[in-house]
Amino acid sequence: MQVKINGKSEDVPGGTVLDLLKSKKIEPQMVAVEVNDKVLDRDHLATTALNEGDQVEFLFYMGGGR
């Protein structure tokens, strides 16, 4: 299935957003996820199915700065 992840088209297996995070070895608590311009609550990662053509954005938390 084709989805866009952070602006790049990728082939991913079907499943949920949580499945996608696991396949990319991303810890759910370290990222905010947006699907089709809607930020998901962490409680919904395991129940939100991905569909062909979805646009997914991973927003990583960063520390630091001055």
N, C-alpha and C. Protein backbone atom coordinates (compact mmCIF):
# COMPACT_ATOMS: atom_id res chain seq x y z
N MET A 1 0.85 -1.16 0.00
CA MET A 1 0.00 0.00 0.00
C MET A 1 0.90 1.24 0.00
N GLN A 2 0.54 2.24 -0.77
CA GLN A 2 1.30 3.48 -0.85
C GLN A 2 0.72 4.53 0.10
N VAL A 3 1.58 5.09 0.95
CA VAL A 3 1.22 6.24 1.78
C VAL A 3 2.38 7.23 1.69
N LYS A 4 2.10 8.47 2.03
CA LYS A 4 3.17 9.46 2.10
C LYS A 4 3.55 9.64 3.55
N ILE A 5 4.84 9.48 3.84
CA ILE A 5 5.35 9.66 5.19
C ILE A 5 6.32 10.82 5.16
N ASN A 6 5.99 11.86 5.89
CA ASN A 6 6.80 13.09 5.91
C ASN A 6 7.14 13.55 4.49
N GLY A 7 6.13 13.49 3.61
CA GLY A 7 6.26 14.01 2.25
C GLY A 7 6.84 13.06 1.22
N LYS A 8 7.23 11.85 1.63
CA LYS A 8 7.82 10.89 0.70
C LYS A 8 6.90 9.69 0.55
N SER A 9 6.63 9.27 -0.68
CA SER A 9 5.81 8.08 -0.92
C SER A 9 6.58 6.84 -0.50
N GLU A 10 5.89 5.97 0.22
CA GLU A 10 6.51 4.72 0.68
C GLU A 10 5.50 3.58 0.55
N ASP A 11 6.01 2.40 0.25
CA ASP A 11 5.20 1.18 0.31
C ASP A 11 5.24 0.67 1.73
N VAL A 12 4.09 0.48 2.33
CA VAL A 12 4.02 -0.04 3.70
C VAL A 12 3.00 -1.16 3.73
N PRO A 13 3.16 -2.10 4.65
CA PRO A 13 2.13 -3.11 4.81
C PRO A 13 0.88 -2.47 5.40
N GLY A 14 -0.25 -3.04 5.16
CA GLY A 14 -1.48 -2.52 5.75
C GLY A 14 -1.43 -2.66 7.26
N GLY A 15 -2.35 -2.02 7.93
CA GLY A 15 -2.40 -2.12 9.38
C GLY A 15 -2.73 -0.78 9.99
N THR A 16 -2.36 -0.65 11.23
CA THR A 16 -2.67 0.56 11.98
C THR A 16 -1.46 1.48 12.03
N VAL A 17 -1.68 2.67 12.56
CA VAL A 17 -0.58 3.61 12.74
C VAL A 17 0.45 3.02 13.70
N LEU A 18 0.00 2.34 14.75
CA LEU A 18 0.93 1.72 15.68
C LEU A 18 1.77 0.66 14.98
N ASP A 19 1.17 -0.12 14.09
CA ASP A 19 1.92 -1.11 13.32
C ASP A 19 3.03 -0.44 12.50
N LEU A 20 2.70 0.71 11.90
CA LEU A 20 3.68 1.44 11.11
C LEU A 20 4.83 1.93 11.99
N LEU A 21 4.50 2.47 13.16
CA LEU A 21 5.54 2.92 14.08
C LEU A 21 6.46 1.77 14.47
N LYS A 22 5.87 0.62 14.78
CA LYS A 22 6.68 -0.54 15.16
C LYS A 22 7.58 -0.99 14.02
N SER A 23 7.05 -0.98 12.79
CA SER A 23 7.85 -1.43 11.65
C SER A 23 9.03 -0.49 11.39
N LYS A 24 8.90 0.76 11.79
CA LYS A 24 9.98 1.73 11.62
C LYS A 24 10.81 1.90 12.90
N LYS A 25 10.50 1.07 13.89
CA LYS A 25 11.23 1.09 15.17
C LYS A 25 11.18 2.47 15.83
N ILE A 26 9.99 3.07 15.83
CA ILE A 26 9.76 4.37 16.45
C ILE A 26 8.92 4.16 17.71
N GLU A 27 9.41 4.64 18.84
CA GLU A 27 8.68 4.54 20.10
C GLU A 27 7.50 5.52 20.07
N PRO A 28 6.28 5.05 20.30
CA PRO A 28 5.11 5.92 20.23
C PRO A 28 5.17 7.12 21.17
N GLN A 29 5.83 6.98 22.32
CA GLN A 29 5.89 8.10 23.26
C GLN A 29 6.87 9.17 22.82
N MET A 30 7.67 8.91 21.78
CA MET A 30 8.68 9.87 21.32
C MET A 30 8.23 10.68 20.10
N VAL A 31 6.99 10.48 19.66
CA VAL A 31 6.54 11.11 18.43
C VAL A 31 5.06 11.47 18.51
N ALA A 32 4.71 12.58 17.87
CA ALA A 32 3.30 12.89 17.63
C ALA A 32 3.03 12.48 16.18
N VAL A 33 1.84 11.96 15.93
CA VAL A 33 1.52 11.47 14.60
C VAL A 33 0.32 12.22 14.06
N GLU A 34 0.45 12.65 12.83
CA GLU A 34 -0.63 13.33 12.12
C GLU A 34 -0.98 12.48 10.91
N VAL A 35 -2.26 12.20 10.72
CA VAL A 35 -2.72 11.46 9.55
C VAL A 35 -3.74 12.34 8.83
N ASN A 36 -3.45 12.63 7.59
CA ASN A 36 -4.33 13.47 6.77
C ASN A 36 -4.69 14.77 7.50
N ASP A 37 -3.67 15.44 8.01
CA ASP A 37 -3.79 16.75 8.67
C ASP A 37 -4.52 16.73 10.00
N LYS A 38 -4.67 15.55 10.61
CA LYS A 38 -5.31 15.46 11.92
C LYS A 38 -4.35 14.79 12.90
N VAL A 39 -4.05 15.48 14.00
CA VAL A 39 -3.16 14.92 15.02
C VAL A 39 -3.92 13.85 15.79
N LEU A 40 -3.29 12.68 15.93
CA LEU A 40 -3.94 11.57 16.64
C LEU A 40 -3.57 11.58 18.11
N ASP A 41 -4.54 11.24 18.95
CA ASP A 41 -4.24 10.96 20.36
C ASP A 41 -3.49 9.64 20.41
N ARG A 42 -2.58 9.50 21.34
CA ARG A 42 -1.84 8.23 21.46
C ARG A 42 -2.78 7.05 21.69
N ASP A 43 -3.91 7.31 22.35
CA ASP A 43 -4.88 6.24 22.60
C ASP A 43 -5.46 5.66 21.31
N HIS A 44 -5.33 6.40 20.20
CA HIS A 44 -5.94 5.95 18.93
C HIS A 44 -4.92 5.37 17.95
N LEU A 45 -3.65 5.32 18.31
CA LEU A 45 -2.64 4.81 17.39
C LEU A 45 -2.92 3.35 17.00
N ALA A 46 -3.37 2.55 17.96
CA ALA A 46 -3.59 1.13 17.70
C ALA A 46 -4.92 0.86 17.00
N THR A 47 -5.79 1.85 16.93
CA THR A 47 -7.11 1.63 16.33
C THR A 47 -7.32 2.43 15.05
N THR A 48 -6.35 3.25 14.66
CA THR A 48 -6.47 4.03 13.43
C THR A 48 -5.82 3.27 12.29
N ALA A 49 -6.66 2.79 11.37
CA ALA A 49 -6.16 2.04 10.22
C ALA A 49 -5.61 2.98 9.17
N LEU A 50 -4.55 2.55 8.53
CA LEU A 50 -4.00 3.30 7.40
C LEU A 50 -4.68 2.85 6.12
N ASN A 51 -4.88 3.80 5.21
CA ASN A 51 -5.52 3.52 3.93
C ASN A 51 -4.61 3.99 2.80
N GLU A 52 -4.79 3.41 1.63
CA GLU A 52 -4.05 3.80 0.44
C GLU A 52 -4.12 5.31 0.26
N GLY A 53 -2.96 5.94 0.06
CA GLY A 53 -2.92 7.36 -0.21
C GLY A 53 -2.91 8.27 1.00
N ASP A 54 -2.98 7.70 2.21
CA ASP A 54 -2.95 8.53 3.42
C ASP A 54 -1.65 9.31 3.48
N GLN A 55 -1.72 10.48 4.12
CA GLN A 55 -0.53 11.29 4.36
C GLN A 55 -0.25 11.27 5.85
N VAL A 56 0.93 10.76 6.20
CA VAL A 56 1.32 10.59 7.59
C VAL A 56 2.52 11.50 7.87
N GLU A 57 2.46 12.19 8.98
CA GLU A 57 3.58 13.02 9.42
C GLU A 57 3.99 12.57 10.81
N PHE A 58 5.28 12.33 10.98
CA PHE A 58 5.84 12.03 12.29
C PHE A 58 6.49 13.31 12.81
N LEU A 59 6.07 13.76 13.95
CA LEU A 59 6.61 14.97 14.57
C LEU A 59 7.38 14.55 15.81
N PHE A 60 8.70 14.59 15.72
CA PHE A 60 9.55 14.11 16.80
C PHE A 60 9.80 15.20 17.82
N TYR A 61 9.79 14.80 19.09
CA TYR A 61 10.09 15.74 20.18
C TYR A 61 11.61 15.88 20.29
N MET A 62 12.06 17.10 20.37
CA MET A 62 13.48 17.37 20.47
C MET A 62 13.74 18.21 21.71
N GLY A 63 14.81 17.92 22.38
CA GLY A 63 15.21 18.72 23.53
C GLY A 63 16.35 19.65 23.13
N GLY A 64 16.68 20.51 24.02
CA GLY A 64 17.83 21.38 23.76
C GLY A 64 17.41 22.81 23.48
N GLY A 65 18.31 23.54 22.91
CA GLY A 65 18.04 24.94 22.62
C GLY A 65 18.69 25.83 23.66
N ARG A 66 18.53 27.09 23.47
CA ARG A 66 19.13 28.05 24.42
C ARG A 66 18.11 29.01 24.92
